[in-house]
Amino acid sequence: MSKSSEVADAEGASSSSKEEIIRGLNEDLSREYKAIIQYVVFSQTLKGAEYGDIAEQLKEHASQELAHALEVARQIDYLGGDPTVNVKGAEYSQDSKKMLEIDLKQEQETIKSYRERIRQAERSGEFALSEALRDIIAEEQDHEIDLRDALGLR
């Protein structure tokens, strides 16, 4: 194999892994949009004195999810992709406990997805991306803890 074809193969692999990361980040971005919507709505519609503290926390979560969406969109653009405008289907319930369960499940899925994205970024040498995602995961894990506490889960 000639040196130039080795370079072309390496560039092709790099381009392919970048496209895979961009696809995954767009899925993550779509999930962040969903989280923003749910946190905004749930923070305003939770009923019951036992949910007063978590309702306030959900407002804060909504702001943090917006910051995550902005960072993910920035990373997609940096990698040469176009940030998605598609939102994953938001869920709703009139039952306060069910709202929190929906959010908890969402956070767990998001954490799992970002862990995979970090592995992809590391394999591709996109270390700044993996560091940015680690910061996001730390906040997502805090959200998970808040929700588990509000639901009385350990």
C-alpha atoms as a PDB file:
ATOM      1  CA  MET A   1       0.000   0.000   0.000  1.00  0.00           C
ATOM      2  CA  SER A   2       1.425   3.377  -0.937  1.00  0.00           C
ATOM      3  CA  LYS A   3       1.958   6.122   1.616  1.00  0.00           C
ATOM      4  CA  SER A   4      -0.691   8.342  -0.035  1.00  0.00           C
ATOM      5  CA  SER A   5      -3.356   5.619   0.115  1.00  0.00           C
ATOM      6  CA  GLU A   6      -2.536   5.026   3.798  1.00  0.00           C
ATOM      7  CA  VAL A   7      -3.126   8.715   4.451  1.00  0.00           C
ATOM      8  CA  ALA A   8      -6.360   8.603   2.458  1.00  0.00           C
ATOM      9  CA  ASP A   9      -7.520   5.558   4.451  1.00  0.00           C
ATOM     10  CA  ALA A  10      -6.674   7.254   7.736  1.00  0.00           C
ATOM     11  CA  GLU A  11      -8.468  10.427   6.685  1.00  0.00           C
ATOM     12  CA  GLY A  12     -11.474   8.385   5.579  1.00  0.00           C
ATOM     13  CA  ALA A  13     -11.624   6.602   8.936  1.00  0.00           C
ATOM     14  CA  SER A  14     -11.278   9.912  10.732  1.00  0.00           C
ATOM     15  CA  SER A  15     -14.045  11.432   8.628  1.00  0.00           C
ATOM     16  CA  SER A  16     -16.240   8.387   9.206  1.00  0.00           C
ATOM     17  CA  SER A  17     -15.746   8.472  12.982  1.00  0.00           C
ATOM     18  CA  LYS A  18     -16.410  12.234  12.991  1.00  0.00           C
ATOM     19  CA  GLU A  19     -19.683  11.660  11.144  1.00  0.00           C
ATOM     20  CA  GLU A  20     -20.612   8.974  13.672  1.00  0.00           C
ATOM     21  CA  ILE A  21     -19.863  11.352  16.546  1.00  0.00           C
ATOM     22  CA  ILE A  22     -21.886  14.132  14.889  1.00  0.00           C
ATOM     23  CA  ARG A  23     -24.853  11.764  14.430  1.00  0.00           C
ATOM     24  CA  GLY A  24     -24.638  10.764  18.084  1.00  0.00           C
ATOM     25  CA  LEU A  25     -24.283  14.353  19.269  1.00  0.00           C
ATOM     26  CA  ASN A  26     -27.360  15.319  17.263  1.00  0.00           C
ATOM     27  CA  GLU A  27     -29.280  12.546  19.039  1.00  0.00           C
ATOM     28  CA  ASP A  28     -27.976  13.950  22.325  1.00  0.00           C
ATOM     29  CA  LEU A  29     -28.993  17.473  21.289  1.00  0.00           C
ATOM     30  CA  SER A  30     -32.486  16.273  20.426  1.00  0.00           C
ATOM     31  CA  ARG A  31     -32.674  14.648  23.883  1.00  0.00           C
ATOM     32  CA  GLU A  32     -31.532  17.913  25.527  1.00  0.00           C
ATOM     33  CA  TYR A  33     -34.353  19.790  23.760  1.00  0.00           C
ATOM     34  CA  LYS A  34     -36.791  17.191  25.125  1.00  0.00           C
ATOM     35  CA  ALA A  35     -35.385  17.618  28.645  1.00  0.00           C
ATOM     36  CA  ILE A  36     -35.746  21.409  28.459  1.00  0.00           C
ATOM     37  CA  ILE A  37     -39.407  21.104  27.470  1.00  0.00           C
ATOM     38  CA  GLN A  38     -40.197  18.549  30.150  1.00  0.00           C
ATOM     39  CA  TYR A  39     -38.403  20.426  32.913  1.00  0.00           C
ATOM     40  CA  VAL A  40     -40.135  23.696  31.998  1.00  0.00           C
ATOM     41  CA  VAL A  41     -43.576  22.085  31.962  1.00  0.00           C
ATOM     42  CA  PHE A  42     -43.081  19.787  34.946  1.00  0.00           C
ATOM     43  CA  SER A  43     -41.609  22.555  37.119  1.00  0.00           C
ATOM     44  CA  GLN A  44     -44.817  24.506  36.637  1.00  0.00           C
ATOM     45  CA  THR A  45     -47.342  21.675  36.886  1.00  0.00           C
ATOM     46  CA  LEU A  46     -46.068  19.506  39.773  1.00  0.00           C
ATOM     47  CA  LYS A  47     -48.788  19.361  42.420  1.00  0.00           C
ATOM     48  CA  GLY A  48     -48.436  18.662  46.125  1.00  0.00           C
ATOM     49  CA  ALA A  49     -46.528  20.183  49.003  1.00  0.00           C
ATOM     50  CA  GLU A  50     -44.033  17.305  48.972  1.00  0.00           C
ATOM     51  CA  TYR A  51     -42.883  18.404  45.494  1.00  0.00           C
ATOM     52  CA  GLY A  52     -42.247  22.099  46.230  1.00  0.00           C
ATOM     53  CA  ASP A  53     -38.473  21.733  46.570  1.00  0.00           C
ATOM     54  CA  ILE A  54     -38.044  19.560  43.491  1.00  0.00           C
ATOM     55  CA  ALA A  55     -40.202  21.933  41.407  1.00  0.00           C
ATOM     56  CA  GLU A  56     -37.666  24.680  42.139  1.00  0.00           C
ATOM     57  CA  GLN A  57     -34.820  22.326  41.263  1.00  0.00           C
ATOM     58  CA  LEU A  58     -36.506  21.447  37.953  1.00  0.00           C
ATOM     59  CA  LYS A  59     -36.423  25.131  36.973  1.00  0.00           C
ATOM     60  CA  GLU A  60     -32.677  25.090  37.547  1.00  0.00           C
ATOM     61  CA  HIS A  61     -32.375  21.815  35.627  1.00  0.00           C
ATOM     62  CA  ALA A  62     -34.129  23.446  32.652  1.00  0.00           C
ATOM     63  CA  SER A  63     -31.506  26.213  32.571  1.00  0.00           C
ATOM     64  CA  GLN A  64     -28.684  23.707  32.851  1.00  0.00           C
ATOM     65  CA  GLU A  65     -30.146  21.581  30.036  1.00  0.00           C
ATOM     66  CA  LEU A  66     -30.246  24.683  27.836  1.00  0.00           C
ATOM     67  CA  ALA A  67     -26.548  25.244  28.575  1.00  0.00           C
ATOM     68  CA  HIS A  68     -25.895  21.600  27.649  1.00  0.00           C
ATOM     69  CA  ALA A  69     -27.800  22.030  24.376  1.00  0.00           C
ATOM     70  CA  LEU A  70     -25.758  25.122  23.538  1.00  0.00           C
ATOM     71  CA  GLU A  71     -22.484  23.309  24.242  1.00  0.00           C
ATOM     72  CA  VAL A  72     -23.486  20.230  22.241  1.00  0.00           C
ATOM     73  CA  ALA A  73     -24.563  22.419  19.294  1.00  0.00           C
ATOM     74  CA  ARG A  74     -21.214  24.239  19.500  1.00  0.00           C
ATOM     75  CA  GLN A  75     -19.330  20.944  19.419  1.00  0.00           C
ATOM     76  CA  ILE A  76     -21.375  19.696  16.438  1.00  0.00           C
ATOM     77  CA  ASP A  77     -20.576  22.893  14.550  1.00  0.00           C
ATOM     78  CA  TYR A  78     -16.884  22.621  15.455  1.00  0.00           C
ATOM     79  CA  LEU A  79     -16.815  19.078  14.058  1.00  0.00           C
ATOM     80  CA  GLY A  80     -18.303  20.353  10.789  1.00  0.00           C
ATOM     81  CA  GLY A  81     -21.866  19.190  11.317  1.00  0.00           C
ATOM     82  CA  ASP A  82     -25.201  20.942  11.433  1.00  0.00           C
ATOM     83  CA  PRO A  83     -26.963  20.938  14.818  1.00  0.00           C
ATOM     84  CA  THR A  84     -30.373  19.311  14.608  1.00  0.00           C
ATOM     85  CA  VAL A  85     -33.620  21.193  15.071  1.00  0.00           C
ATOM     86  CA  ASN A  86     -35.521  17.978  15.806  1.00  0.00           C
ATOM     87  CA  VAL A  87     -36.866  17.316  19.279  1.00  0.00           C
ATOM     88  CA  LYS A  88     -37.272  13.818  20.691  1.00  0.00           C
ATOM     89  CA  GLY A  89     -40.892  13.281  21.676  1.00  0.00           C
ATOM     90  CA  ALA A  90     -41.498  14.953  25.009  1.00  0.00           C
ATOM     91  CA  GLU A  91     -43.574  13.020  27.517  1.00  0.00           C
ATOM     92  CA  TYR A  92     -46.204  14.284  29.917  1.00  0.00           C
ATOM     93  CA  SER A  93     -48.279  13.089  32.818  1.00  0.00           C
ATOM     94  CA  GLN A  94     -50.715  14.803  35.163  1.00  0.00           C
ATOM     95  CA  ASP A  95     -49.400  12.632  37.993  1.00  0.00           C
ATOM     96  CA  SER A  96     -46.535  14.377  39.826  1.00  0.00           C
ATOM     97  CA  LYS A  97     -44.717  11.179  40.783  1.00  0.00           C
ATOM     98  CA  LYS A  98     -44.934   9.950  37.187  1.00  0.00           C
ATOM     99  CA  MET A  99     -43.460  13.278  35.959  1.00  0.00           C
ATOM    100  CA  LEU A 100     -40.412  12.741  38.149  1.00  0.00           C
ATOM    101  CA  GLU A 101     -40.118   9.125  37.022  1.00  0.00           C
ATOM    102  CA  ILE A 102     -40.188  10.291  33.384  1.00  0.00           C
ATOM    103  CA  ASP A 103     -37.410  12.789  34.121  1.00  0.00           C
ATOM    104  CA  LEU A 104     -35.348  10.218  36.015  1.00  0.00           C
ATOM    105  CA  LYS A 105     -35.532   7.745  33.132  1.00  0.00           C
ATOM    106  CA  GLN A 106     -34.562  10.548  30.738  1.00  0.00           C
ATOM    107  CA  GLU A 107     -31.511  11.471  32.831  1.00  0.00           C
ATOM    108  CA  GLN A 108     -30.372   7.853  33.005  1.00  0.00           C
ATOM    109  CA  GLU A 109     -30.645   7.498  29.217  1.00  0.00           C
ATOM    110  CA  THR A 110     -28.780  10.767  28.719  1.00  0.00           C
ATOM    111  CA  ILE A 111     -25.925   9.741  31.012  1.00  0.00           C
ATOM    112  CA  LYS A 112     -25.599   6.408  29.217  1.00  0.00           C
ATOM    113  CA  SER A 113     -25.545   8.150  25.843  1.00  0.00           C
ATOM    114  CA  TYR A 114     -22.936  10.718  26.882  1.00  0.00           C
ATOM    115  CA  ARG A 115     -20.707   7.947  28.246  1.00  0.00           C
ATOM    116  CA  GLU A 116     -20.792   6.322  24.815  1.00  0.00           C
ATOM    117  CA  ARG A 117     -20.095   9.661  23.131  1.00  0.00           C
ATOM    118  CA  ILE A 118     -17.057  10.164  25.401  1.00  0.00           C
ATOM    119  CA  ARG A 119     -15.720   6.748  24.357  1.00  0.00           C
ATOM    120  CA  GLN A 120     -16.213   7.691  20.690  1.00  0.00           C
ATOM    121  CA  ALA A 121     -14.491  11.045  21.185  1.00  0.00           C
ATOM    122  CA  GLU A 122     -11.526   9.447  22.962  1.00  0.00           C
ATOM    123  CA  ARG A 123     -11.106   6.815  20.224  1.00  0.00           C
ATOM    124  CA  SER A 124     -11.136   9.591  17.613  1.00  0.00           C
ATOM    125  CA  GLY A 125      -8.700  11.820  19.456  1.00  0.00           C
ATOM    126  CA  GLU A 126     -11.356  14.483  20.139  1.00  0.00           C
ATOM    127  CA  PHE A 127     -10.171  15.075  23.700  1.00  0.00           C
ATOM    128  CA  ALA A 128     -11.663  18.556  24.110  1.00  0.00           C
ATOM    129  CA  LEU A 129     -15.070  17.104  23.213  1.00  0.00           C
ATOM    130  CA  SER A 130     -14.695  14.326  25.766  1.00  0.00           C
ATOM    131  CA  GLU A 131     -13.814  16.891  28.450  1.00  0.00           C
ATOM    132  CA  ALA A 132     -16.830  19.065  27.565  1.00  0.00           C
ATOM    133  CA  LEU A 133     -19.078  15.992  27.784  1.00  0.00           C
ATOM    134  CA  ARG A 134     -17.610  15.033  31.170  1.00  0.00           C
ATOM    135  CA  ASP A 135     -18.694  18.421  32.517  1.00  0.00           C
ATOM    136  CA  ILE A 136     -22.201  17.838  31.153  1.00  0.00           C
ATOM    137  CA  ILE A 137     -22.376  14.329  32.651  1.00  0.00           C
ATOM    138  CA  ALA A 138     -21.478  15.700  36.084  1.00  0.00           C
ATOM    139  CA  GLU A 139     -24.558  17.961  35.982  1.00  0.00           C
ATOM    140  CA  GLU A 140     -26.746  15.206  34.549  1.00  0.00           C
ATOM    141  CA  GLN A 141     -25.718  12.956  37.450  1.00  0.00           C
ATOM    142  CA  ASP A 142     -26.640  15.733  39.891  1.00  0.00           C
ATOM    143  CA  HIS A 143     -30.070  15.881  38.227  1.00  0.00           C
ATOM    144  CA  GLU A 144     -30.407  12.120  38.622  1.00  0.00           C
ATOM    145  CA  ILE A 145     -29.554  12.401  42.329  1.00  0.00           C
ATOM    146  CA  ASP A 146     -32.104  15.209  42.826  1.00  0.00           C
ATOM    147  CA  LEU A 147     -34.813  13.155  41.131  1.00  0.00           C
ATOM    148  CA  ARG A 148     -33.971   9.958  43.008  1.00  0.00           C
ATOM    149  CA  ASP A 149     -34.086  11.885  46.294  1.00  0.00           C
ATOM    150  CA  ALA A 150     -37.466  13.451  45.410  1.00  0.00           C
ATOM    151  CA  LEU A 151     -38.799   9.978  44.577  1.00  0.00           C
ATOM    152  CA  GLY A 152     -37.379   8.483  47.784  1.00  0.00           C
ATOM    153  CA  LEU A 153     -35.102   6.108  45.838  1.00  0.00           C
ATOM    154  CA  ARG A 154     -31.616   5.053  46.875  1.00  0.00           C
END
